[in-house]
C-alpha atoms as a PDB file:
ATOM      1  CA  UNK A   1     131.181 -92.004 135.149  1.00  0.00           C
ATOM      2  CA  UNK A   2     131.961 -89.608 138.101  1.00  0.00           C
ATOM      3  CA  UNK A   3     130.192 -90.595 141.569  1.00  0.00           C
ATOM      4  CA  UNK A   4     129.131 -87.301 142.892  1.00  0.00           C
ATOM      5  CA  UNK A   5     126.886 -87.082 146.120  1.00  0.00           C
ATOM      6  CA  UNK A   6     123.325 -86.089 146.179  1.00  0.00           C
ATOM      7  CA  UNK A   7     122.401 -82.798 146.342  1.00  0.00           C
ATOM      8  CA  UNK A   8     119.792 -81.702 148.626  1.00  0.00           C
ATOM      9  CA  UNK A   9     116.882 -79.844 147.471  1.00  0.00           C
ATOM     10  CA  UNK A  10     118.391 -76.150 147.767  1.00  0.00           C
ATOM     11  CA  UNK A  11     121.641 -77.019 146.028  1.00  0.00           C
ATOM     12  CA  UNK A  12     119.098 -78.592 142.966  1.00  0.00           C
ATOM     13  CA  UNK A  13     117.418 -75.358 143.015  1.00  0.00           C
ATOM     14  CA  UNK A  14     120.553 -73.691 142.552  1.00  0.00           C
ATOM     15  CA  UNK A  15     121.890 -75.955 139.636  1.00  0.00           C
ATOM     16  CA  UNK A  16     118.882 -75.414 137.970  1.00  0.00           C
ATOM     17  CA  UNK A  17     118.860 -71.374 137.972  1.00  0.00           C
ATOM     18  CA  UNK A  18     122.349 -71.480 136.969  1.00  0.00           C
ATOM     19  CA  UNK A  19     121.866 -73.232 133.984  1.00  0.00           C
ATOM     20  CA  UNK A  20     119.251 -71.316 133.042  1.00  0.00           C
ATOM     21  CA  UNK A  21     121.341 -68.321 133.567  1.00  0.00           C
ATOM     22  CA  UNK A  22     124.843 -68.625 134.591  1.00  0.00           C
ATOM     23  CA  UNK A  23     125.182 -64.948 135.097  1.00  0.00           C
ATOM     24  CA  UNK A  24     122.971 -64.502 137.968  1.00  0.00           C
ATOM     25  CA  UNK A  25     124.893 -62.469 140.723  1.00  0.00           C
ATOM     26  CA  UNK A  26     125.086 -63.966 143.835  1.00  0.00           C
ATOM     27  CA  UNK A  27     122.167 -61.794 145.500  1.00  0.00           C
ATOM     28  CA  UNK A  28     119.725 -62.875 142.721  1.00  0.00           C
ATOM     29  CA  UNK A  29     120.900 -66.308 142.917  1.00  0.00           C
ATOM     30  CA  UNK A  30     120.291 -66.054 146.888  1.00  0.00           C
ATOM     31  CA  UNK A  31     116.568 -64.520 146.416  1.00  0.00           C
ATOM     32  CA  UNK A  32     115.484 -67.140 144.132  1.00  0.00           C
ATOM     33  CA  UNK A  33     116.762 -69.597 146.111  1.00  0.00           C
ATOM     34  CA  UNK A  34     115.305 -67.976 149.181  1.00  0.00           C
ATOM     35  CA  UNK A  35     118.458 -68.458 151.066  1.00  0.00           C
ATOM     36  CA  UNK A  36     121.025 -65.842 152.482  1.00  0.00           C
ATOM     37  CA  UNK A  37     123.263 -64.580 150.154  1.00  0.00           C
ATOM     38  CA  UNK A  38     126.361 -65.957 152.303  1.00  0.00           C
ATOM     39  CA  UNK A  39     124.956 -69.139 152.562  1.00  0.00           C
ATOM     40  CA  UNK A  40     124.176 -69.037 148.587  1.00  0.00           C
ATOM     41  CA  UNK A  41     127.991 -68.058 147.892  1.00  0.00           C
ATOM     42  CA  UNK A  42     128.966 -71.057 150.243  1.00  0.00           C
ATOM     43  CA  UNK A  43     127.109 -73.530 148.382  1.00  0.00           C
ATOM     44  CA  UNK A  44     128.007 -72.404 144.967  1.00  0.00           C
ATOM     45  CA  UNK A  45     131.584 -72.680 145.866  1.00  0.00           C
ATOM     46  CA  UNK A  46     130.795 -76.092 147.135  1.00  0.00           C
ATOM     47  CA  UNK A  47     129.271 -77.303 144.181  1.00  0.00           C
ATOM     48  CA  UNK A  48     132.067 -75.957 142.238  1.00  0.00           C
ATOM     49  CA  UNK A  49     134.750 -77.723 144.522  1.00  0.00           C
ATOM     50  CA  UNK A  50     132.817 -81.079 144.227  1.00  0.00           C
ATOM     51  CA  UNK A  51     132.446 -80.706 140.470  1.00  0.00           C
ATOM     52  CA  UNK A  52     129.115 -80.509 139.910  1.00  0.00           C
ATOM     53  CA  UNK A  53     129.632 -77.556 137.131  1.00  0.00           C
ATOM     54  CA  UNK A  54     131.417 -78.698 134.438  1.00  0.00           C
ATOM     55  CA  UNK A  55     132.229 -75.247 133.191  1.00  0.00           C
ATOM     56  CA  UNK A  56     130.171 -71.836 132.341  1.00  0.00           C
ATOM     57  CA  UNK A  57     129.802 -70.559 128.745  1.00  0.00           C
ATOM     58  CA  UNK A  58     128.237 -67.827 126.669  1.00  0.00           C
ATOM     59  CA  UNK A  59     125.858 -68.635 123.975  1.00  0.00           C
ATOM     60  CA  UNK A  60     126.775 -67.186 120.807  1.00  0.00           C
ATOM     61  CA  UNK A  61     124.774 -66.628 117.710  1.00  0.00           C
ATOM     62  CA  UNK A  62     126.442 -69.102 115.284  1.00  0.00           C
ATOM     63  CA  UNK A  63     126.353 -66.484 111.712  1.00  0.00           C
ATOM     64  CA  UNK A  64     128.651 -63.980 113.968  1.00  0.00           C
ATOM     65  CA  UNK A  65     131.085 -67.034 113.764  1.00  0.00           C
ATOM     66  CA  UNK A  66     130.663 -67.570 110.133  1.00  0.00           C
ATOM     67  CA  UNK A  67     128.660 -70.770 110.760  1.00  0.00           C
ATOM     68  CA  UNK A  68     125.914 -70.954 107.912  1.00  0.00           C
ATOM     69  CA  UNK A  69     125.382 -74.384 107.929  1.00  0.00           C
ATOM     70  CA  UNK A  70     124.957 -76.933 110.776  1.00  0.00           C
ATOM     71  CA  UNK A  71     124.929 -81.004 109.952  1.00  0.00           C
ATOM     72  CA  UNK A  72     124.832 -84.307 111.683  1.00  0.00           C
ATOM     73  CA  UNK A  73     127.217 -86.877 110.112  1.00  0.00           C
ATOM     74  CA  UNK A  74     126.290 -90.359 111.208  1.00  0.00           C
ATOM     75  CA  UNK A  75     129.572 -92.712 111.341  1.00  0.00           C
ATOM     76  CA  UNK A  76     129.904 -96.448 110.911  1.00  0.00           C
ATOM     77  CA  UNK A  77     133.156 -97.881 111.869  1.00  0.00           C
ATOM     78  CA  UNK A  78     134.569-100.961 109.858  1.00  0.00           C
ATOM     79  CA  UNK A  79     135.629-102.782 113.202  1.00  0.00           C
ATOM     80  CA  UNK A  80     134.810-102.055 117.007  1.00  0.00           C
ATOM     81  CA  UNK A  81     138.132-102.814 117.995  1.00  0.00           C
ATOM     82  CA  UNK A  82     139.030-100.472 120.974  1.00  0.00           C
ATOM     83  CA  UNK A  83     142.276 -98.850 119.412  1.00  0.00           C
ATOM     84  CA  UNK A  84     139.980 -97.900 116.241  1.00  0.00           C
ATOM     85  CA  UNK A  85     137.151 -96.434 118.617  1.00  0.00           C
ATOM     86  CA  UNK A  86     139.728 -94.629 120.181  1.00  0.00           C
ATOM     87  CA  UNK A  87     141.494 -93.484 117.005  1.00  0.00           C
ATOM     88  CA  UNK A  88     138.252 -92.123 115.703  1.00  0.00           C
ATOM     89  CA  UNK A  89     137.508 -89.949 119.330  1.00  0.00           C
ATOM     90  CA  UNK A  90     141.145 -88.448 119.028  1.00  0.00           C
ATOM     91  CA  UNK A  91     140.716 -87.679 115.382  1.00  0.00           C
ATOM     92  CA  UNK A  92     137.350 -86.128 115.760  1.00  0.00           C
ATOM     93  CA  UNK A  93     138.488 -84.309 118.978  1.00  0.00           C
ATOM     94  CA  UNK A  94     140.889 -82.093 116.893  1.00  0.00           C
ATOM     95  CA  UNK A  95     138.342 -81.597 113.861  1.00  0.00           C
ATOM     96  CA  UNK A  96     136.950 -77.465 114.648  1.00  0.00           C
ATOM     97  CA  UNK A  97     133.942 -78.207 112.802  1.00  0.00           C
ATOM     98  CA  UNK A  98     132.747 -80.771 115.255  1.00  0.00           C
ATOM     99  CA  UNK A  99     131.259 -79.189 118.145  1.00  0.00           C
ATOM    100  CA  UNK A 100     129.950 -82.303 119.805  1.00  0.00           C
ATOM    101  CA  UNK A 101     130.244 -86.231 119.125  1.00  0.00           C
ATOM    102  CA  UNK A 102     127.866 -89.022 120.700  1.00  0.00           C
ATOM    103  CA  UNK A 103     128.991 -92.733 120.817  1.00  0.00           C
ATOM    104  CA  UNK A 104     125.801 -94.894 119.979  1.00  0.00           C
ATOM    105  CA  UNK A 105     124.293 -98.312 120.371  1.00  0.00           C
ATOM    106  CA  UNK A 106     122.511 -99.487 116.988  1.00  0.00           C
ATOM    107  CA  UNK A 107     123.599 -99.003 113.467  1.00  0.00           C
ATOM    108  CA  UNK A 108     125.841 -96.166 113.749  1.00  0.00           C
ATOM    109  CA  UNK A 109     128.598 -96.201 115.936  1.00  0.00           C
ATOM    110  CA  UNK A 110     128.908 -92.317 116.375  1.00  0.00           C
ATOM    111  CA  UNK A 111     126.997 -89.020 115.787  1.00  0.00           C
ATOM    112  CA  UNK A 112     128.722 -85.748 115.299  1.00  0.00           C
ATOM    113  CA  UNK A 113     127.366 -82.557 115.270  1.00  0.00           C
ATOM    114  CA  UNK A 114     129.478 -80.257 112.562  1.00  0.00           C
ATOM    115  CA  UNK A 115     129.240 -76.924 111.890  1.00  0.00           C
ATOM    116  CA  UNK A 116     130.443 -75.445 108.597  1.00  0.00           C
ATOM    117  CA  UNK A 117     130.104 -72.345 106.490  1.00  0.00           C
ATOM    118  CA  UNK A 118     128.250 -73.592 103.602  1.00  0.00           C
ATOM    119  CA  UNK A 119     127.603 -76.906 101.420  1.00  0.00           C
ATOM    120  CA  UNK A 120     131.084 -76.858 100.078  1.00  0.00           C
ATOM    121  CA  UNK A 121     132.705 -76.420 103.177  1.00  0.00           C
ATOM    122  CA  UNK A 122     130.340 -79.522 104.509  1.00  0.00           C
ATOM    123  CA  UNK A 123     131.304 -81.358 101.470  1.00  0.00           C
ATOM    124  CA  UNK A 124     135.191 -81.031 102.168  1.00  0.00           C
ATOM    125  CA  UNK A 125     134.656 -82.016 106.020  1.00  0.00           C
ATOM    126  CA  UNK A 126     132.624 -85.116 105.165  1.00  0.00           C
ATOM    127  CA  UNK A 127     135.161 -86.241 102.543  1.00  0.00           C
ATOM    128  CA  UNK A 128     138.742 -85.291 103.957  1.00  0.00           C
ATOM    129  CA  UNK A 129     137.360 -85.235 107.829  1.00  0.00           C
ATOM    130  CA  UNK A 130     135.544 -88.683 107.951  1.00  0.00           C
ATOM    131  CA  UNK A 131     135.970 -90.835 104.901  1.00  0.00           C
ATOM    132  CA  UNK A 132     139.847 -90.503 104.484  1.00  0.00           C
ATOM    133  CA  UNK A 133     139.714 -92.373 108.016  1.00  0.00           C
ATOM    134  CA  UNK A 134     140.598 -96.162 107.406  1.00  0.00           C
ATOM    135  CA  UNK A 135     138.439 -96.873 110.636  1.00  0.00           C
ATOM    136  CA  UNK A 136     135.326 -95.231 108.835  1.00  0.00           C
ATOM    137  CA  UNK A 137     133.440 -97.875 106.978  1.00  0.00           C
ATOM    138  CA  UNK A 138     130.162 -95.189 106.139  1.00  0.00           C
ATOM    139  CA  UNK A 139     128.955 -92.247 106.920  1.00  0.00           C
ATOM    140  CA  UNK A 140     125.310 -90.352 106.305  1.00  0.00           C
ATOM    141  CA  UNK A 141     125.341 -86.886 106.396  1.00  0.00           C
ATOM    142  CA  UNK A 142     121.914 -84.771 107.545  1.00  0.00           C
ATOM    143  CA  UNK A 143     121.431 -81.356 107.016  1.00  0.00           C
ATOM    144  CA  UNK A 144     120.096 -79.405 110.482  1.00  0.00           C
ATOM    145  CA  UNK A 145     117.296 -77.226 109.449  1.00  0.00           C
ATOM    146  CA  UNK A 146     116.824 -75.680 112.938  1.00  0.00           C
ATOM    147  CA  UNK A 147     117.745 -76.887 116.297  1.00  0.00           C
ATOM    148  CA  UNK A 148     116.314 -75.964 119.611  1.00  0.00           C
ATOM    149  CA  UNK A 149     117.895 -77.183 122.784  1.00  0.00           C
ATOM    150  CA  UNK A 150     116.824 -76.876 126.758  1.00  0.00           C
ATOM    151  CA  UNK A 151     119.265 -74.698 128.617  1.00  0.00           C
ATOM    152  CA  UNK A 152     120.388 -77.675 130.838  1.00  0.00           C
ATOM    153  CA  UNK A 153     119.382 -81.039 132.251  1.00  0.00           C
ATOM    154  CA  UNK A 154     115.807 -81.400 134.082  1.00  0.00           C
ATOM    155  CA  UNK A 155     115.859 -82.236 137.723  1.00  0.00           C
ATOM    156  CA  UNK A 156     114.861 -86.016 137.689  1.00  0.00           C
ATOM    157  CA  UNK A 157     115.357 -86.327 141.456  1.00  0.00           C
ATOM    158  CA  UNK A 158     112.397 -83.923 141.876  1.00  0.00           C
ATOM    159  CA  UNK A 159     110.509 -85.618 139.187  1.00  0.00           C
ATOM    160  CA  UNK A 160     110.872 -89.188 140.782  1.00  0.00           C
END
């Protein structure tokens, strides 16, 4: 985990605003934060330089990209040896249908969010993408009916 310096109130506010809308102009961002545009520009650049922002992206309608179905694939490995875990990571990172992966504690070792065209594509990904790996002992697939996500992380410093 990267150790970042703590952010002051204004920096945290800028981060919240940019998480909600990464396309805010510097002028609009400065006005919303109650600071001068030049100060805002300097602060955002400093946040970028410090690695606070991991990237900016556009949220896209899945159907436009040919995605008709989303699922979560819970994966249990045969062994928890470091090389098996690393091989699994390397494999799923290469799968275009896998859009996020969580390494977990508990009954399952990984939870993979996959996007596919349809049920047949999901079956293909489950069989050829997961069960053919020697490291995988068991998978369980759950179709996602609906997905809602908040635009970013909450400011727990302000909460506490």
